[in-house]
Amino acid sequence: MLTLTPDDHAKPWETTRRGLLLLVSSPAGAGKTSLTRRLVADHSDLTLSISATTRPARPGEEEGREYYFKTRAEFEAMIAAGEFLEWATVNGNYYGTLKATVMTALEGGHDVLFDIDWQGAAQIAEKAPHDSVRLFILPPAWDDLERRLRARAQDTEETIKSRLELGREEILHWANYDYVIVNKNFDRAYADLGHIYRAERMKPGRNSWLPGFVEDLLADAAGGREVVEPPKTPLLRPVQK
């Protein structure tokens, strides 16, 4: 039987649990980065997955913070060794998720958020179906998506057109996701994202403490009924709802 302290009963979500993989996709410009970075900042058990890539580092980017930067030869050797949970080629560069890092986090009860395209999300969900939660973010209108991309003033016209075309391809796969949020209002979209994340954390299959917790409650109830002399009401441990 699982032994829980009174504090464990008061805060069951702080006991042993298995982590989850939150796979978030969207077309560029839909607000995915802003939403996911805030979610990570607001939840200490949630970390952002750091991918490996052959893309050259941009000014201000650091090894191990934005990406693990690899040469093409290094990346292909890692593919051959089966070190990736998923990998894909985007705009001529390799991107991939390191399997060992993610599995260690899951088994330690930590959640991992992926800012990922539909191909990568599909690969991870296929390999880890019970751990994966797929969420897609849509813009309120196509014109709004294009306006956001142009407002960045960071890309050439050719790049913007390429991003819009890739965005259209992303949207075609929206129905493969567990949840869809339309980001018309940031605060509302963020609230929805947070509700989904917290609800998924509470699913019984991700909380290995639940069977023992319920067993203890039932043992308390059974013990109370066995008391004959002197009669008294059993003290039940509180359950946080």
Protein backbone atom coordinates (compact mmCIF):
# COMPACT_ATOMS: atom_id res chain seq x y z
CA MET A 1 0.00 0.00 0.00
CA LEU A 2 1.27 3.51 -0.81
CA THR A 3 2.06 5.44 2.37
CA LEU A 4 1.03 9.09 2.22
CA THR A 5 1.63 11.78 4.79
CA PRO A 6 -1.16 14.19 5.80
CA ASP A 7 0.48 16.82 3.61
CA ASP A 8 0.38 14.45 0.63
CA HIS A 9 -3.36 14.08 1.12
CA ALA A 10 -3.77 17.84 1.27
CA LYS A 11 -1.76 18.31 -1.95
CA PRO A 12 -2.13 15.11 -4.03
CA TRP A 13 -0.90 16.78 -7.24
CA GLU A 14 2.53 17.20 -5.63
CA THR A 15 3.07 13.45 -5.24
CA THR A 16 4.54 11.06 -7.80
CA ARG A 17 3.14 11.41 -11.32
CA ARG A 18 4.22 10.76 -14.88
CA GLY A 19 4.91 13.77 -17.05
CA LEU A 20 3.16 14.59 -20.32
CA LEU A 21 4.24 15.84 -23.74
CA LEU A 22 2.35 18.96 -24.80
CA LEU A 23 2.71 19.24 -28.59
CA VAL A 24 1.71 22.70 -29.81
CA SER A 25 1.53 23.55 -33.52
CA SER A 26 0.32 26.50 -35.56
CA PRO A 27 1.08 28.48 -38.68
CA ALA A 28 3.77 31.15 -38.19
CA GLY A 29 2.26 34.34 -36.82
CA ALA A 30 -0.64 32.73 -34.93
CA GLY A 31 0.82 33.59 -31.51
CA LYS A 32 2.11 30.14 -30.59
CA THR A 33 5.48 31.35 -29.30
CA SER A 34 4.02 34.03 -27.03
CA LEU A 35 1.40 31.65 -25.62
CA THR A 36 3.73 28.71 -24.99
CA ARG A 37 6.55 30.77 -23.47
CA ARG A 38 4.13 32.31 -20.99
CA LEU A 39 2.76 28.87 -20.08
CA VAL A 40 6.29 27.63 -19.38
CA ALA A 41 7.06 30.74 -17.31
CA ASP A 42 3.93 30.25 -15.20
CA HIS A 43 4.36 26.50 -14.49
CA SER A 44 7.49 25.23 -12.76
CA ASP A 45 6.92 21.59 -13.76
CA LEU A 46 6.77 22.48 -17.47
CA THR A 47 9.91 22.84 -19.56
CA LEU A 48 10.38 23.77 -23.19
CA SER A 49 11.89 21.07 -25.37
CA ILE A 50 15.21 22.14 -26.89
CA SER A 51 15.68 20.73 -30.38
CA ALA A 52 18.85 19.93 -32.24
CA THR A 53 19.27 21.63 -35.62
CA THR A 54 21.70 22.14 -38.47
CA ARG A 55 20.47 25.70 -38.94
CA PRO A 56 23.21 28.25 -38.24
CA ALA A 57 22.84 30.10 -34.94
CA ARG A 58 21.31 33.57 -35.24
CA PRO A 59 22.69 36.60 -33.39
CA GLY A 60 21.88 36.32 -29.67
CA GLU A 61 21.14 32.57 -29.75
CA GLU A 62 23.07 30.30 -27.39
CA GLU A 63 23.94 26.62 -27.51
CA GLY A 64 21.50 24.64 -25.34
CA ARG A 65 19.12 27.57 -24.84
CA GLU A 66 17.39 27.99 -28.21
CA TYR A 67 18.83 24.89 -29.90
CA TYR A 68 21.61 22.34 -29.83
CA PHE A 69 23.51 23.33 -32.96
CA LYS A 70 24.91 20.43 -34.98
CA THR A 71 26.74 20.00 -38.25
CA ARG A 72 24.96 18.06 -40.95
CA ALA A 73 27.33 15.13 -40.45
CA GLU A 74 26.72 15.10 -36.69
CA PHE A 75 22.95 15.20 -37.13
CA GLU A 76 22.92 12.39 -39.69
CA ALA A 77 25.06 10.24 -37.40
CA MET A 78 22.53 10.83 -34.60
CA ILE A 79 19.69 9.81 -36.93
CA ALA A 80 21.52 6.58 -37.76
CA ALA A 81 22.05 5.91 -34.04
CA GLY A 82 18.31 6.33 -33.31
CA GLU A 83 18.87 9.24 -30.93
CA PHE A 84 15.84 11.26 -32.04
CA LEU A 85 12.25 10.96 -30.91
CA GLU A 86 11.36 12.81 -34.11
CA TRP A 87 13.19 14.69 -36.82
CA ALA A 88 12.35 16.52 -40.03
CA THR A 89 13.83 18.71 -42.73
CA VAL A 90 12.47 22.28 -42.79
CA ASN A 91 13.71 24.87 -45.30
CA GLY A 92 16.73 22.70 -46.03
CA ASN A 93 17.80 22.27 -42.39
CA TYR A 94 17.45 19.32 -40.03
CA TYR A 95 15.46 19.70 -36.79
CA GLY A 96 15.02 16.95 -34.21
CA THR A 97 14.03 16.11 -30.63
CA LEU A 98 16.52 14.18 -28.48
CA LYS A 99 14.85 11.01 -27.19
CA ALA A 100 16.90 10.49 -24.01
CA THR A 101 16.28 14.01 -22.68
CA VAL A 102 12.52 13.78 -23.13
CA MET A 103 12.13 10.28 -21.67
CA THR A 104 14.15 11.21 -18.58
CA ALA A 105 11.90 14.21 -17.97
CA LEU A 106 8.72 12.15 -18.39
CA GLU A 107 9.80 9.45 -15.99
CA GLY A 108 10.80 12.11 -13.46
CA GLY A 109 7.29 13.59 -13.47
CA HIS A 110 8.18 16.65 -15.54
CA ASP A 111 6.10 17.91 -18.44
CA VAL A 112 7.69 18.89 -21.74
CA LEU A 113 6.24 21.46 -24.15
CA PHE A 114 7.05 21.24 -27.86
CA ASP A 115 6.81 24.19 -30.24
CA ILE A 116 6.59 21.88 -33.22
CA ASP A 117 5.23 21.45 -36.75
CA TRP A 118 2.56 18.92 -37.70
CA GLN A 119 5.08 16.36 -38.95
CA GLY A 120 7.03 16.31 -35.71
CA ALA A 121 3.85 16.22 -33.62
CA ALA A 122 2.60 13.22 -35.60
CA GLN A 123 5.88 11.34 -35.12
CA ILE A 124 5.97 11.92 -31.36
CA ALA A 125 2.29 11.05 -30.91
CA GLU A 126 2.86 7.80 -32.79
CA LYS A 127 5.84 6.83 -30.63
CA ALA A 128 4.38 8.03 -27.31
CA PRO A 129 0.58 7.98 -27.76
CA HIS A 130 -0.34 7.81 -24.06
CA ASP A 131 2.01 10.63 -23.08
CA SER A 132 1.16 13.03 -25.90
CA VAL A 133 -1.39 15.86 -25.92
CA ARG A 134 -1.71 17.65 -29.28
CA LEU A 135 -2.95 21.22 -29.45
CA PHE A 136 -3.32 23.45 -32.52
CA ILE A 137 -3.50 27.26 -32.51
CA LEU A 138 -5.38 29.03 -35.31
CA PRO A 139 -5.47 32.72 -36.22
CA PRO A 140 -8.91 34.38 -36.28
CA ALA A 141 -8.51 35.17 -40.01
CA TRP A 142 -6.00 34.59 -42.80
CA ASP A 143 -5.51 38.34 -43.31
CA ASP A 144 -4.70 38.64 -39.62
CA LEU A 145 -1.99 36.01 -39.97
CA GLU A 146 -0.38 37.84 -42.88
CA ARG A 147 -0.59 41.17 -41.04
CA ARG A 148 1.20 39.73 -38.00
CA LEU A 149 4.02 38.33 -40.14
CA ARG A 150 4.56 41.65 -41.91
CA ALA A 151 4.40 43.58 -38.62
CA ARG A 152 7.49 41.72 -37.39
CA ALA A 153 9.57 43.52 -40.04
CA GLN A 154 12.15 40.73 -39.77
CA ASP A 155 11.64 38.79 -43.00
CA THR A 156 11.98 39.43 -46.70
CA GLU A 157 8.94 39.28 -48.96
CA GLU A 158 10.09 35.91 -50.23
CA THR A 159 10.37 34.56 -46.68
CA ILE A 160 6.92 35.87 -45.76
CA LYS A 161 5.38 34.15 -48.78
CA SER A 162 7.18 30.93 -47.86
CA ARG A 163 5.93 31.13 -44.26
CA LEU A 164 2.37 31.70 -45.43
CA GLU A 165 2.54 28.70 -47.73
CA LEU A 166 3.93 26.54 -44.91
CA GLY A 167 1.20 27.93 -42.66
CA ARG A 168 -1.46 26.80 -45.09
CA GLU A 169 0.09 23.31 -45.05
CA GLU A 170 0.06 23.30 -41.23
CA ILE A 171 -3.61 24.28 -41.04
CA LEU A 172 -4.58 21.38 -43.33
CA HIS A 173 -3.69 19.02 -40.44
CA TRP A 174 -5.69 20.72 -37.67
CA ALA A 175 -8.16 17.82 -37.35
CA ASN A 176 -5.38 15.47 -36.15
CA TYR A 177 -5.08 17.41 -32.88
CA ASP A 178 -6.80 16.82 -29.54
CA TYR A 179 -7.57 20.52 -28.96
CA VAL A 180 -7.85 23.63 -31.12
CA ILE A 181 -7.64 27.23 -29.88
CA VAL A 182 -8.49 30.25 -32.05
CA ASN A 183 -6.20 33.05 -30.89
CA LYS A 184 -8.48 36.05 -31.38
CA ASN A 185 -7.77 37.43 -27.92
CA PHE A 186 -4.44 36.60 -26.26
CA ASP A 187 -5.70 36.52 -22.66
CA ARG A 188 -8.64 34.27 -23.54
CA ALA A 189 -6.44 31.98 -25.64
CA TYR A 190 -3.90 31.76 -22.83
CA ALA A 191 -6.61 30.93 -20.30
CA ASP A 192 -7.87 28.12 -22.55
CA LEU A 193 -4.33 26.80 -22.99
CA GLY A 194 -3.77 26.77 -19.23
CA HIS A 195 -7.08 25.00 -18.54
CA ILE A 196 -6.26 22.28 -21.07
CA TYR A 197 -2.77 21.75 -19.66
CA ARG A 198 -3.92 21.50 -16.05
CA ALA A 199 -6.83 19.18 -16.91
CA GLU A 200 -4.50 16.81 -18.76
CA ARG A 201 -2.17 16.71 -15.74
CA MET A 202 -5.03 15.42 -13.58
CA LYS A 203 -5.91 12.39 -15.72
CA PRO A 204 -5.74 9.18 -13.64
CA GLY A 205 -3.26 7.46 -15.94
CA ARG A 206 -0.67 10.17 -15.29
CA ASN A 207 -0.99 10.06 -11.50
CA SER A 208 0.48 6.86 -10.09
CA TRP A 209 -0.33 7.94 -6.52
CA LEU A 210 -4.11 7.66 -7.10
CA PRO A 211 -4.61 3.88 -6.55
CA GLY A 212 -2.83 4.00 -3.19
CA PHE A 213 -4.59 7.22 -2.24
CA VAL A 214 -8.02 5.70 -2.92
CA GLU A 215 -7.02 2.48 -1.17
CA ASP A 216 -6.13 4.48 1.95
CA LEU A 217 -9.45 6.32 1.85
CA LEU A 218 -11.39 3.08 1.57
CA ALA A 219 -9.31 1.53 4.35
CA ASP A 220 -10.18 4.50 6.55
CA ALA A 221 -13.87 4.04 5.75
CA ALA A 222 -13.77 0.31 6.44
CA GLY A 223 -11.89 0.87 9.67
CA GLY A 224 -14.53 3.35 10.80
CA ARG A 225 -17.34 0.83 10.37
CA GLU A 226 -15.50 -1.75 12.51
CA VAL A 227 -15.50 0.49 15.59
CA VAL A 228 -18.12 -0.77 18.09
CA GLU A 229 -17.08 0.45 21.56
CA PRO A 230 -16.86 3.31 22.26
CA PRO A 231 -18.79 4.66 19.26
CA LYS A 232 -17.04 7.49 17.46
CA THR A 233 -16.86 9.08 14.05
CA PRO A 234 -13.71 8.11 12.15
CA LEU A 235 -11.42 10.99 11.20
CA LEU A 236 -11.15 10.91 7.42
CA ARG A 237 -8.10 12.40 5.77
CA PRO A 238 -9.08 15.46 3.71
CA VAL A 239 -9.22 15.13 -0.06
CA GLN A 240 -8.31 18.17 -2.15
CA LYS A 241 -10.78 18.63 -4.99
